[in-house]
Structures are given as C-alpha cells and as structure tokens.
N, C-alpha and C. Protein backbone atom coordinates (compact mmCIF):
# COMPACT_ATOMS: atom_id res chain seq x y z
N UNK A 1 37.55 176.86 102.06
CA UNK A 1 38.80 176.38 102.63
C UNK A 1 38.60 174.92 103.05
N UNK A 2 39.60 174.10 102.82
CA UNK A 2 39.54 172.68 103.17
C UNK A 2 39.76 172.51 104.67
N UNK A 3 39.13 171.44 105.18
CA UNK A 3 39.32 171.11 106.59
C UNK A 3 40.47 170.14 106.74
N UNK A 4 41.06 170.01 107.93
CA UNK A 4 42.22 169.14 108.12
C UNK A 4 42.01 167.70 107.64
N UNK A 5 40.81 167.17 107.75
CA UNK A 5 40.58 165.80 107.35
C UNK A 5 40.60 165.61 105.85
N UNK A 6 40.62 166.69 105.09
CA UNK A 6 40.63 166.62 103.65
C UNK A 6 41.99 166.42 103.04
N UNK A 7 43.05 166.57 103.81
CA UNK A 7 44.42 166.35 103.33
C UNK A 7 44.99 165.10 103.98
N UNK A 8 45.67 164.28 103.16
CA UNK A 8 46.31 163.10 103.73
C UNK A 8 47.62 162.84 103.03
N UNK A 9 48.53 162.21 103.77
CA UNK A 9 49.84 161.83 103.19
C UNK A 9 49.68 160.50 102.49
N UNK A 10 50.18 160.43 101.24
CA UNK A 10 50.10 159.23 100.45
C UNK A 10 51.45 158.96 99.81
N UNK A 11 51.92 157.72 99.90
CA UNK A 11 53.16 157.37 99.19
C UNK A 11 52.81 156.87 97.82
N UNK A 12 53.40 157.49 96.78
CA UNK A 12 53.17 157.09 95.41
C UNK A 12 54.48 156.45 94.93
N UNK A 13 54.42 155.12 94.71
CA UNK A 13 55.62 154.40 94.21
C UNK A 13 55.79 154.64 92.72
N UNK A 14 56.93 154.33 92.25
CA UNK A 14 57.33 154.59 90.86
C UNK A 14 56.30 153.99 89.87
N UNK A 15 55.84 152.78 90.14
CA UNK A 15 54.93 152.08 89.20
C UNK A 15 53.53 152.74 89.15
N UNK A 16 53.19 153.59 90.10
CA UNK A 16 51.88 154.27 90.10
C UNK A 16 51.93 155.71 89.68
N UNK A 17 53.08 156.21 89.24
CA UNK A 17 53.22 157.62 88.88
C UNK A 17 52.19 158.04 87.80
N UNK A 18 52.00 157.20 86.82
CA UNK A 18 51.06 157.54 85.74
C UNK A 18 49.65 157.69 86.17
N UNK A 19 49.27 156.97 87.25
CA UNK A 19 47.89 157.07 87.79
C UNK A 19 47.59 158.48 88.32
N UNK A 20 48.64 159.15 88.79
CA UNK A 20 48.48 160.48 89.39
C UNK A 20 49.07 161.58 88.51
N UNK A 21 49.56 161.21 87.31
CA UNK A 21 50.16 162.19 86.41
C UNK A 21 51.35 162.89 87.07
N UNK A 22 52.20 162.10 87.75
CA UNK A 22 53.38 162.60 88.42
C UNK A 22 54.63 162.07 87.76
N UNK A 23 55.75 162.74 87.98
CA UNK A 23 56.99 162.29 87.36
C UNK A 23 58.03 161.79 88.39
N UNK A 24 57.70 161.89 89.67
CA UNK A 24 58.66 161.51 90.72
C UNK A 24 57.95 160.77 91.84
N UNK A 25 58.51 159.63 92.23
CA UNK A 25 57.96 158.85 93.34
C UNK A 25 58.24 159.57 94.64
N UNK A 26 57.42 159.34 95.64
CA UNK A 26 57.63 159.95 96.97
C UNK A 26 56.32 160.13 97.69
N UNK A 27 56.41 160.87 98.78
CA UNK A 27 55.27 161.17 99.61
C UNK A 27 54.60 162.45 99.14
N UNK A 28 53.28 162.45 99.04
CA UNK A 28 52.54 163.62 98.58
C UNK A 28 51.36 163.86 99.54
N UNK A 29 51.01 165.14 99.65
CA UNK A 29 49.80 165.52 100.38
C UNK A 29 48.69 165.61 99.33
N UNK A 30 47.65 164.79 99.49
CA UNK A 30 46.53 164.75 98.55
C UNK A 30 45.25 165.11 99.27
N UNK A 31 44.34 165.68 98.48
CA UNK A 31 43.03 165.94 99.03
C UNK A 31 42.16 164.70 98.85
N UNK A 32 40.92 164.77 99.36
CA UNK A 32 40.08 163.57 99.34
C UNK A 32 39.60 163.21 97.91
N UNK A 33 39.88 164.06 96.95
CA UNK A 33 39.55 163.74 95.57
C UNK A 33 40.74 163.14 94.82
N UNK A 34 41.84 162.88 95.50
CA UNK A 34 43.00 162.29 94.87
C UNK A 34 43.88 163.28 94.12
N UNK A 35 43.70 164.57 94.35
CA UNK A 35 44.51 165.60 93.71
C UNK A 35 45.73 165.91 94.58
N UNK A 36 46.88 166.01 93.97
CA UNK A 36 48.12 166.32 94.67
C UNK A 36 48.09 167.80 95.06
N UNK A 37 48.31 168.09 96.31
CA UNK A 37 48.36 169.45 96.81
C UNK A 37 49.79 169.89 97.09
N UNK A 38 50.59 169.01 97.68
CA UNK A 38 51.97 169.30 98.02
C UNK A 38 52.84 168.07 97.74
N UNK A 39 54.10 168.27 97.42
CA UNK A 39 55.03 167.16 97.30
C UNK A 39 55.83 167.26 96.01
N UNK A 40 56.73 166.36 95.85
CA UNK A 40 57.00 165.15 96.63
C UNK A 40 57.91 165.44 97.82
N UNK A 41 57.81 164.55 98.80
CA UNK A 41 58.67 164.60 99.99
C UNK A 41 59.40 163.26 100.12
N UNK A 42 60.54 163.28 100.74
CA UNK A 42 61.37 162.09 100.88
C UNK A 42 60.88 161.14 101.96
N UNK A 43 60.08 161.68 102.94
CA UNK A 43 59.63 160.84 104.03
C UNK A 43 58.24 161.28 104.48
N UNK A 44 57.60 160.36 105.21
CA UNK A 44 56.28 160.66 105.78
C UNK A 44 56.34 161.83 106.78
N UNK A 45 57.34 161.85 107.70
CA UNK A 45 57.36 162.98 108.62
C UNK A 45 57.46 164.36 107.91
N UNK A 46 58.26 164.41 106.83
CA UNK A 46 58.35 165.70 106.08
C UNK A 46 57.02 166.05 105.45
N UNK A 47 56.34 165.09 104.92
CA UNK A 47 55.02 165.35 104.32
C UNK A 47 54.01 165.79 105.37
N UNK A 48 53.96 165.08 106.51
CA UNK A 48 53.08 165.46 107.59
C UNK A 48 53.33 166.89 108.07
N UNK A 49 54.59 167.24 108.20
CA UNK A 49 54.95 168.60 108.63
C UNK A 49 54.45 169.64 107.60
N UNK A 50 54.58 169.35 106.34
CA UNK A 50 54.12 170.27 105.30
C UNK A 50 52.62 170.42 105.33
N UNK A 51 51.91 169.32 105.60
CA UNK A 51 50.44 169.39 105.72
C UNK A 51 50.06 170.27 106.89
N UNK A 52 50.71 170.06 108.03
CA UNK A 52 50.41 170.91 109.21
C UNK A 52 50.69 172.39 108.94
N UNK A 53 51.83 172.66 108.28
CA UNK A 53 52.17 174.04 107.96
C UNK A 53 51.14 174.64 107.02
N UNK A 54 50.71 173.90 106.01
CA UNK A 54 49.72 174.38 105.08
C UNK A 54 48.41 174.69 105.78
N UNK A 55 47.97 173.80 106.67
CA UNK A 55 46.74 174.03 107.41
C UNK A 55 46.82 175.25 108.33
N UNK A 56 48.00 175.42 108.94
CA UNK A 56 48.19 176.62 109.78
C UNK A 56 48.12 177.91 108.96
N UNK A 57 48.70 177.88 107.75
CA UNK A 57 48.65 179.03 106.90
C UNK A 57 47.23 179.35 106.50
N UNK A 58 46.43 178.31 106.22
CA UNK A 58 45.03 178.51 105.82
C UNK A 58 44.19 179.11 106.96
N UNK A 59 44.53 178.76 108.21
CA UNK A 59 43.83 179.30 109.34
C UNK A 59 44.06 180.81 109.51
N UNK A 60 45.26 181.25 109.09
CA UNK A 60 45.63 182.66 109.23
C UNK A 60 44.93 183.53 108.21
N UNK A 61 44.48 182.93 107.14
CA UNK A 61 43.85 183.73 106.07
C UNK A 61 42.41 184.05 106.39
C-alpha cells in the first residue's frame, strides 16, 4: 500500500498531455513514479479531496 507522501496533485496543461499519455488537461493525482492514479479534476481542491478520500479508503482495507 502506498503512503500519503507517494501521491501528489499535478496540473497537466494541454501541451504536456502527450508526456503523460493523457487526452484531457487538468489536475491529476500522481504517484512518485509519474503514473496517473486519479483524475482529471477541474481544480486543485477537488484533486486534493480525491487524494484524501483515496488514502482513507486504503487505510480501511
């Protein structure tokens, strides 16, 4: 299981979509290896909330 420090919110602009193999610009939750875990989100607060929710779910397992 990943620790909280392993997920971070990253904004991927349209011009960088190909670097991450994504089709939509926005905020994404990525692990420390640069892999997208969640997203896209319209804002940083929405992405942060999704990261917190994901980490809470992982704690319950």
